[in-house]
Amino acid sequence: MKEKDMVNDVLSQINSSLTGYASVISQSSNPQLRQTIQQIRNSCETFQYDLYKLAEQKGFYQPAAQANQNEVMQIKSQLGG
């Protein structure tokens, strides 16, 4: 398996985990459990971002072009912001 494929697989798995953590956090009524899952999620997000930056540096990932101000304002108005 190529390095690019491995990095993309890990990023995909992390993104799925982050979604799962968000679901558990929103449904947890136990403050200690909620805080623990939030800490795990935060660590996972940091790892995901570091791996994303590595993938970007190696040319494994090309981010989308940045939106211009008009596009940002259009999305804000569509979302009620």
PDB file of N, CA and C in Angstrom:
ATOM      1  N   MET A   1       0.854  -1.181   0.000  1.00  0.00           N
ATOM      2  CA  MET A   1       0.000   0.000   0.000  1.00  0.00           C
ATOM      3  C   MET A   1       0.897   1.240   0.000  1.00  0.00           C
ATOM      4  N   LYS A   2       0.544   2.204  -0.812  1.00  0.00           N
ATOM      5  CA  LYS A   2       1.320   3.435  -0.918  1.00  0.00           C
ATOM      6  C   LYS A   2       1.072   4.337   0.284  1.00  0.00           C
ATOM      7  N   GLU A   3       2.080   5.168   0.577  1.00  0.00           N
ATOM      8  CA  GLU A   3       1.975   6.098   1.706  1.00  0.00           C
ATOM      9  C   GLU A   3       0.758   7.006   1.561  1.00  0.00           C
ATOM     10  N   LYS A   4       0.507   7.487   0.365  1.00  0.00           N
ATOM     11  CA  LYS A   4      -0.636   8.364   0.132  1.00  0.00           C
ATOM     12  C   LYS A   4      -1.941   7.665   0.508  1.00  0.00           C
ATOM     13  N   ASP A   5      -2.084   6.400   0.118  1.00  0.00           N
ATOM     14  CA  ASP A   5      -3.293   5.639   0.430  1.00  0.00           C
ATOM     15  C   ASP A   5      -3.446   5.440   1.932  1.00  0.00           C
ATOM     16  N   MET A   6      -2.337   5.157   2.600  1.00  0.00           N
ATOM     17  CA  MET A   6      -2.393   4.958   4.047  1.00  0.00           C
ATOM     18  C   MET A   6      -2.816   6.245   4.759  1.00  0.00           C
ATOM     19  N   VAL A   7      -2.243   7.365   4.345  1.00  0.00           N
ATOM     20  CA  VAL A   7      -2.583   8.648   4.961  1.00  0.00           C
ATOM     21  C   VAL A   7      -4.053   8.964   4.730  1.00  0.00           C
ATOM     22  N   ASN A   8      -4.528   8.769   3.508  1.00  0.00           N
ATOM     23  CA  ASN A   8      -5.934   9.034   3.204  1.00  0.00           C
ATOM     24  C   ASN A   8      -6.865   8.119   3.989  1.00  0.00           C
ATOM     25  N   ASP A   9      -6.482   6.861   4.159  1.00  0.00           N
ATOM     26  CA  ASP A   9      -7.294   5.931   4.945  1.00  0.00           C
ATOM     27  C   ASP A   9      -7.385   6.371   6.394  1.00  0.00           C
ATOM     28  N   VAL A  10      -6.247   6.770   6.968  1.00  0.00           N
ATOM     29  CA  VAL A  10      -6.236   7.214   8.367  1.00  0.00           C
ATOM     30  C   VAL A  10      -7.067   8.486   8.520  1.00  0.00           C
ATOM     31  N   LEU A  11      -6.924   9.415   7.594  1.00  0.00           N
ATOM     32  CA  LEU A  11      -7.727  10.641   7.663  1.00  0.00           C
ATOM     33  C   LEU A  11      -9.221  10.329   7.596  1.00  0.00           C
ATOM     34  N   SER A  12      -9.585   9.406   6.747  1.00  0.00           N
ATOM     35  CA  SER A  12     -10.992   9.014   6.636  1.00  0.00           C
ATOM     36  C   SER A  12     -11.489   8.391   7.940  1.00  0.00           C
ATOM     37  N   GLN A  13     -10.690   7.534   8.539  1.00  0.00           N
ATOM     38  CA  GLN A  13     -11.069   6.898   9.797  1.00  0.00           C
ATOM     39  C   GLN A  13     -11.185   7.920  10.921  1.00  0.00           C
ATOM     40  N   ILE A  14     -10.258   8.863  10.958  1.00  0.00           N
ATOM     41  CA  ILE A  14     -10.306   9.904  11.994  1.00  0.00           C
ATOM     42  C   ILE A  14     -11.566  10.747  11.826  1.00  0.00           C
ATOM     43  N   ASN A  15     -11.887  11.114  10.606  1.00  0.00           N
ATOM     44  CA  ASN A  15     -13.088  11.914  10.372  1.00  0.00           C
ATOM     45  C   ASN A  15     -14.344  11.177  10.833  1.00  0.00           C
ATOM     46  N   SER A  16     -14.393   9.886  10.596  1.00  0.00           N
ATOM     47  CA  SER A  16     -15.527   9.095  11.075  1.00  0.00           C
ATOM     48  C   SER A  16     -15.568   9.073  12.600  1.00  0.00           C
ATOM     49  N   SER A  17     -14.410   8.928  13.222  1.00  0.00           N
ATOM     50  CA  SER A  17     -14.339   8.925  14.684  1.00  0.00           C
ATOM     51  C   SER A  17     -14.806  10.261  15.253  1.00  0.00           C
ATOM     52  N   LEU A  18     -14.407  11.351  14.622  1.00  0.00           N
ATOM     53  CA  LEU A  18     -14.806  12.671  15.101  1.00  0.00           C
ATOM     54  C   LEU A  18     -16.322  12.837  15.055  1.00  0.00           C
ATOM     55  N   THR A  19     -16.938  12.316  14.019  1.00  0.00           N
ATOM     56  CA  THR A  19     -18.401  12.355  13.924  1.00  0.00           C
ATOM     57  C   THR A  19     -19.027  11.558  15.060  1.00  0.00           C
ATOM     58  N   GLY A  20     -18.465  10.394  15.336  1.00  0.00           N
ATOM     59  CA  GLY A  20     -18.967   9.564  16.424  1.00  0.00           C
ATOM     60  C   GLY A  20     -18.806  10.233  17.781  1.00  0.00           C
ATOM     61  N   TYR A  21     -17.663  10.862  18.008  1.00  0.00           N
ATOM     62  CA  TYR A  21     -17.441  11.572  19.272  1.00  0.00           C
ATOM     63  C   TYR A  21     -18.462  12.685  19.455  1.00  0.00           C
ATOM     64  N   ALA A  22     -18.726  13.431  18.394  1.00  0.00           N
ATOM     65  CA  ALA A  22     -19.703  14.522  18.482  1.00  0.00           C
ATOM     66  C   ALA A  22     -21.074  13.993  18.870  1.00  0.00           C
ATOM     67  N   SER A  23     -21.437  12.859  18.335  1.00  0.00           N
ATOM     68  CA  SER A  23     -22.725  12.252  18.660  1.00  0.00           C
ATOM     69  C   SER A  23     -22.780  11.829  20.126  1.00  0.00           C
ATOM     70  N   VAL A  24     -21.724  11.191  20.599  1.00  0.00           N
ATOM     71  CA  VAL A  24     -21.685  10.747  21.996  1.00  0.00           C
ATOM     72  C   VAL A  24     -21.720  11.944  22.934  1.00  0.00           C
ATOM     73  N   ILE A  25     -20.960  12.977  22.626  1.00  0.00           N
ATOM     74  CA  ILE A  25     -20.918  14.173  23.473  1.00  0.00           C
ATOM     75  C   ILE A  25     -22.299  14.806  23.576  1.00  0.00           C
ATOM     76  N   SER A  26     -22.975  14.943  22.451  1.00  0.00           N
ATOM     77  CA  SER A  26     -24.283  15.609  22.459  1.00  0.00           C
ATOM     78  C   SER A  26     -25.345  14.799  23.193  1.00  0.00           C
ATOM     79  N   GLN A  27     -25.131  13.498  23.334  1.00  0.00           N
ATOM     80  CA  GLN A  27     -26.131  12.648  23.977  1.00  0.00           C
ATOM     81  C   GLN A  27     -25.764  12.259  25.408  1.00  0.00           C
ATOM     82  N   SER A  28     -24.615  12.694  25.868  1.00  0.00           N
ATOM     83  CA  SER A  28     -24.157  12.296  27.198  1.00  0.00           C
ATOM     84  C   SER A  28     -24.711  13.227  28.270  1.00  0.00           C
ATOM     85  N   SER A  29     -25.291  12.631  29.308  1.00  0.00           N
ATOM     86  CA  SER A  29     -25.791  13.433  30.426  1.00  0.00           C
ATOM     87  C   SER A  29     -24.821  13.398  31.610  1.00  0.00           C
ATOM     88  N   ASN A  30     -23.818  12.537  31.547  1.00  0.00           N
ATOM     89  CA  ASN A  30     -22.826  12.435  32.607  1.00  0.00           C
ATOM     90  C   ASN A  30     -21.698  13.428  32.327  1.00  0.00           C
ATOM     91  N   PRO A  31     -21.536  14.447  33.185  1.00  0.00           N
ATOM     92  CA  PRO A  31     -20.528  15.479  32.922  1.00  0.00           C
ATOM     93  C   PRO A  31     -19.097  14.941  32.813  1.00  0.00           C
ATOM     94  N   GLN A  32     -18.762  13.952  33.612  1.00  0.00           N
ATOM     95  CA  GLN A  32     -17.399  13.405  33.564  1.00  0.00           C
ATOM     96  C   GLN A  32     -17.156  12.641  32.267  1.00  0.00           C
ATOM     97  N   LEU A  33     -18.147  11.853  31.852  1.00  0.00           N
ATOM     98  CA  LEU A  33     -18.016  11.139  30.586  1.00  0.00           C
ATOM     99  C   LEU A  33     -17.943  12.133  29.433  1.00  0.00           C
ATOM    100  N   ARG A  34     -18.792  13.119  29.475  1.00  0.00           N
ATOM    101  CA  ARG A  34     -18.816  14.154  28.433  1.00  0.00           C
ATOM    102  C   ARG A  34     -17.455  14.836  28.316  1.00  0.00           C
ATOM    103  N   GLN A  35     -16.877  15.213  29.449  1.00  0.00           N
ATOM    104  CA  GLN A  35     -15.572  15.884  29.441  1.00  0.00           C
ATOM    105  C   GLN A  35     -14.474  14.960  28.915  1.00  0.00           C
ATOM    106  N   THR A  36     -14.518  13.696  29.313  1.00  0.00           N
ATOM    107  CA  THR A  36     -13.514  12.739  28.838  1.00  0.00           C
ATOM    108  C   THR A  36     -13.592  12.567  27.328  1.00  0.00           C
ATOM    109  N   ILE A  37     -14.806  12.421  26.803  1.00  0.00           N
ATOM    110  CA  ILE A  37     -14.967  12.258  25.351  1.00  0.00           C
ATOM    111  C   ILE A  37     -14.549  13.537  24.623  1.00  0.00           C
ATOM    112  N   GLN A  38     -14.817  14.696  25.211  1.00  0.00           N
ATOM    113  CA  GLN A  38     -14.382  15.956  24.605  1.00  0.00           C
ATOM    114  C   GLN A  38     -12.857  16.025  24.536  1.00  0.00           C
ATOM    115  N   GLN A  39     -12.178  15.564  25.576  1.00  0.00           N
ATOM    116  CA  GLN A  39     -10.717  15.560  25.576  1.00  0.00           C
ATOM    117  C   GLN A  39     -10.170  14.609  24.507  1.00  0.00           C
ATOM    118  N   ILE A  40     -10.800  13.438  24.392  1.00  0.00           N
ATOM    119  CA  ILE A  40     -10.388  12.486  23.357  1.00  0.00           C
ATOM    120  C   ILE A  40     -10.622  13.099  21.977  1.00  0.00           C
ATOM    121  N   ARG A  41     -11.791  13.719  21.796  1.00  0.00           N
ATOM    122  CA  ARG A  41     -12.099  14.363  20.517  1.00  0.00           C
ATOM    123  C   ARG A  41     -11.073  15.450  20.189  1.00  0.00           C
ATOM    124  N   ASN A  42     -10.725  16.266  21.177  1.00  0.00           N
ATOM    125  CA  ASN A  42      -9.751  17.339  20.953  1.00  0.00           C
ATOM    126  C   ASN A  42      -8.400  16.785  20.517  1.00  0.00           C
ATOM    127  N   SER A  43      -7.957  15.716  21.158  1.00  0.00           N
ATOM    128  CA  SER A  43      -6.688  15.082  20.772  1.00  0.00           C
ATOM    129  C   SER A  43      -6.773  14.528  19.358  1.00  0.00           C
ATOM    130  N   CYS A  44      -7.898  13.936  19.052  1.00  0.00           N
ATOM    131  CA  CYS A  44      -8.122  13.371  17.723  1.00  0.00           C
ATOM    132  C   CYS A  44      -8.121  14.474  16.659  1.00  0.00           C
ATOM    133  N   GLU A  45      -8.742  15.609  16.966  1.00  0.00           N
ATOM    134  CA  GLU A  45      -8.762  16.733  16.030  1.00  0.00           C
ATOM    135  C   GLU A  45      -7.355  17.269  15.790  1.00  0.00           C
ATOM    136  N   THR A  46      -6.554  17.340  16.841  1.00  0.00           N
ATOM    137  CA  THR A  46      -5.173  17.807  16.700  1.00  0.00           C
ATOM    138  C   THR A  46      -4.382  16.858  15.812  1.00  0.00           C
ATOM    139  N   PHE A  47      -4.531  15.561  16.049  1.00  0.00           N
ATOM    140  CA  PHE A  47      -3.846  14.567  15.227  1.00  0.00           C
ATOM    141  C   PHE A  47      -4.308  14.655  13.777  1.00  0.00           C
ATOM    142  N   GLN A  48      -5.615  14.806  13.576  1.00  0.00           N
ATOM    143  CA  GLN A  48      -6.163  14.903  12.222  1.00  0.00           C
ATOM    144  C   GLN A  48      -5.569  16.101  11.495  1.00  0.00           C
ATOM    145  N   TYR A  49      -5.479  17.243  12.179  1.00  0.00           N
ATOM    146  CA  TYR A  49      -4.954  18.449  11.542  1.00  0.00           C
ATOM    147  C   TYR A  49      -3.467  18.281  11.209  1.00  0.00           C
ATOM    148  N   ASP A  50      -2.709  17.697  12.127  1.00  0.00           N
ATOM    149  CA  ASP A  50      -1.281  17.470  11.874  1.00  0.00           C
ATOM    150  C   ASP A  50      -1.079  16.538  10.685  1.00  0.00           C
ATOM    151  N   LEU A  51      -1.883  15.486  10.610  1.00  0.00           N
ATOM    152  CA  LEU A  51      -1.770  14.554   9.492  1.00  0.00           C
ATOM    153  C   LEU A  51      -2.211  15.215   8.189  1.00  0.00           C
ATOM    154  N   TYR A  52      -3.252  16.029   8.244  1.00  0.00           N
ATOM    155  CA  TYR A  52      -3.698  16.778   7.065  1.00  0.00           C
ATOM    156  C   TYR A  52      -2.570  17.679   6.550  1.00  0.00           C
ATOM    157  N   LYS A  53      -1.901  18.397   7.461  1.00  0.00           N
ATOM    158  CA  LYS A  53      -0.810  19.290   7.050  1.00  0.00           C
ATOM    159  C   LYS A  53       0.326  18.496   6.403  1.00  0.00           C
ATOM    160  N   LEU A  54       0.624  17.314   6.948  1.00  0.00           N
ATOM    161  CA  LEU A  54       1.646  16.450   6.364  1.00  0.00           C
ATOM    162  C   LEU A  54       1.225  16.015   4.956  1.00  0.00           C
ATOM    163  N   ALA A  55      -0.026  15.602   4.813  1.00  0.00           N
ATOM    164  CA  ALA A  55      -0.532  15.180   3.506  1.00  0.00           C
ATOM    165  C   ALA A  55      -0.459  16.321   2.501  1.00  0.00           C
ATOM    166  N   GLU A  56      -0.780  17.518   2.954  1.00  0.00           N
ATOM    167  CA  GLU A  56      -0.714  18.681   2.079  1.00  0.00           C
ATOM    168  C   GLU A  56       0.731  18.968   1.652  1.00  0.00           C
ATOM    169  N   GLN A  57       1.660  18.894   2.596  1.00  0.00           N
ATOM    170  CA  GLN A  57       3.075  19.134   2.285  1.00  0.00           C
ATOM    171  C   GLN A  57       3.624  18.130   1.283  1.00  0.00           C
ATOM    172  N   LYS A  58       3.189  16.890   1.398  1.00  0.00           N
ATOM    173  CA  LYS A  58       3.676  15.835   0.506  1.00  0.00           C
ATOM    174  C   LYS A  58       2.942  15.820  -0.835  1.00  0.00           C
ATOM    175  N   GLY A  59       1.949  16.685  -0.983  1.00  0.00           N
ATOM    176  CA  GLY A  59       1.210  16.747  -2.237  1.00  0.00           C
ATOM    177  C   GLY A  59       0.126  15.691  -2.351  1.00  0.00           C
ATOM    178  N   PHE A  60      -0.236  15.056  -1.218  1.00  0.00           N
ATOM    179  CA  PHE A  60      -1.275  14.037  -1.227  1.00  0.00           C
ATOM    180  C   PHE A  60      -2.663  14.660  -1.257  1.00  0.00           C
ATOM    181  N   TYR A  61      -2.741  15.928  -0.890  1.00  0.00           N
ATOM    182  CA  TYR A  61      -4.039  16.582  -0.762  1.00  0.00           C
ATOM    183  C   TYR A  61      -3.932  17.997  -1.281  1.00  0.00           C
ATOM    184  N   GLN A  62      -4.862  18.396  -2.121  1.00  0.00           N
ATOM    185  CA  GLN A  62      -4.926  19.758  -2.621  1.00  0.00           C
ATOM    186  C   GLN A  62      -6.190  20.402  -2.064  1.00  0.00           C
ATOM    187  N   PRO A  63      -6.059  21.381  -1.176  1.00  0.00           N
ATOM    188  CA  PRO A  63      -7.261  22.016  -0.630  1.00  0.00           C
ATOM    189  C   PRO A  63      -8.003  22.806  -1.702  1.00  0.00           C
ATOM    190  N   ALA A  64      -9.274  22.990  -1.469  1.00  0.00           N
ATOM    191  CA  ALA A  64     -10.087  23.793  -2.383  1.00  0.00           C
ATOM    192  C   ALA A  64      -9.611  25.241  -2.340  1.00  0.00           C
ATOM    193  N   ALA A  65      -9.857  25.955  -3.401  1.00  0.00           N
ATOM    194  CA  ALA A  65      -9.500  27.374  -3.432  1.00  0.00           C
ATOM    195  C   ALA A  65     -10.315  28.129  -2.378  1.00  0.00           C
ATOM    196  N   GLN A  66      -9.708  29.154  -1.814  1.00  0.00           N
ATOM    197  CA  GLN A  66     -10.403  29.934  -0.802  1.00  0.00           C
ATOM    198  C   GLN A  66     -11.550  30.712  -1.431  1.00  0.00           C
ATOM    199  N   ALA A  67     -12.637  30.787  -0.696  1.00  0.00           N
ATOM    200  CA  ALA A  67     -13.811  31.528  -1.163  1.00  0.00           C
ATOM    201  C   ALA A  67     -13.525  33.023  -1.103  1.00  0.00           C
ATOM    202  N   ASN A  68     -14.069  33.751  -2.067  1.00  0.00           N
ATOM    203  CA  ASN A  68     -13.923  35.208  -2.017  1.00  0.00           C
ATOM    204  C   ASN A  68     -15.005  35.786  -1.098  1.00  0.00           C
ATOM    205  N   GLN A  69     -14.920  37.065  -0.817  1.00  0.00           N
ATOM    206  CA  GLN A  69     -15.832  37.703   0.142  1.00  0.00           C
ATOM    207  C   GLN A  69     -17.301  37.592  -0.281  1.00  0.00           C
ATOM    208  N   ASN A  70     -17.568  37.707  -1.583  1.00  0.00           N
ATOM    209  CA  ASN A  70     -18.945  37.586  -2.066  1.00  0.00           C
ATOM    210  C   ASN A  70     -19.516  36.194  -1.791  1.00  0.00           C
ATOM    211  N   GLU A  71     -18.703  35.162  -2.010  1.00  0.00           N
ATOM    212  CA  GLU A  71     -19.148  33.795  -1.751  1.00  0.00           C
ATOM    213  C   GLU A  71     -19.414  33.577  -0.262  1.00  0.00           C
ATOM    214  N   VAL A  72     -18.555  34.122   0.578  1.00  0.00           N
ATOM    215  CA  VAL A  72     -18.732  34.007   2.028  1.00  0.00           C
ATOM    216  C   VAL A  72     -20.033  34.680   2.452  1.00  0.00           C
ATOM    217  N   MET A  73     -20.278  35.870   1.952  1.00  0.00           N
ATOM    218  CA  MET A  73     -21.499  36.597   2.306  1.00  0.00           C
ATOM    219  C   MET A  73     -22.747  35.865   1.811  1.00  0.00           C
ATOM    220  N   GLN A  74     -22.672  35.280   0.621  1.00  0.00           N
ATOM    221  CA  GLN A  74     -23.810  34.533   0.076  1.00  0.00           C
ATOM    222  C   GLN A  74     -24.142  33.329   0.977  1.00  0.00           C
ATOM    223  N   ILE A  75     -23.148  32.595   1.397  1.00  0.00           N
ATOM    224  CA  ILE A  75     -23.366  31.432   2.267  1.00  0.00           C
ATOM    225  C   ILE A  75     -23.907  31.887   3.627  1.00  0.00           C
ATOM    226  N   LYS A  76     -23.359  32.974   4.156  1.00  0.00           N
ATOM    227  CA  LYS A  76     -23.845  33.501   5.437  1.00  0.00           C
ATOM    228  C   LYS A  76     -25.325  33.853   5.355  1.00  0.00           C
ATOM    229  N   SER A  77     -25.725  34.507   4.262  1.00  0.00           N
ATOM    230  CA  SER A  77     -27.129  34.891   4.136  1.00  0.00           C
ATOM    231  C   SER A  77     -28.025  33.662   3.959  1.00  0.00           C
ATOM    232  N   GLN A  78     -27.537  32.632   3.289  1.00  0.00           N
ATOM    233  CA  GLN A  78     -28.316  31.408   3.115  1.00  0.00           C
ATOM    234  C   GLN A  78     -28.494  30.673   4.435  1.00  0.00           C
ATOM    235  N   LEU A  79     -27.527  30.799   5.317  1.00  0.00           N
ATOM    236  CA  LEU A  79     -27.575  30.111   6.603  1.00  0.00           C
ATOM    237  C   LEU A  79     -28.193  30.971   7.694  1.00  0.00           C
ATOM    238  N   GLY A  80     -28.614  32.163   7.333  1.00  0.00           N
ATOM    239  CA  GLY A  80     -29.269  33.042   8.300  1.00  0.00           C
ATOM    240  C   GLY A  80     -28.317  33.799   9.182  1.00  0.00           C
ATOM    241  N   GLY A  81     -27.062  33.933   8.746  1.00  0.00           N
ATOM    242  CA  GLY A  81     -26.068  34.615   9.580  1.00  0.00           C
ATOM    243  C   GLY A  81     -25.854  35.950   9.103  1.00  0.00           C
TER     244      GLY A  81
END
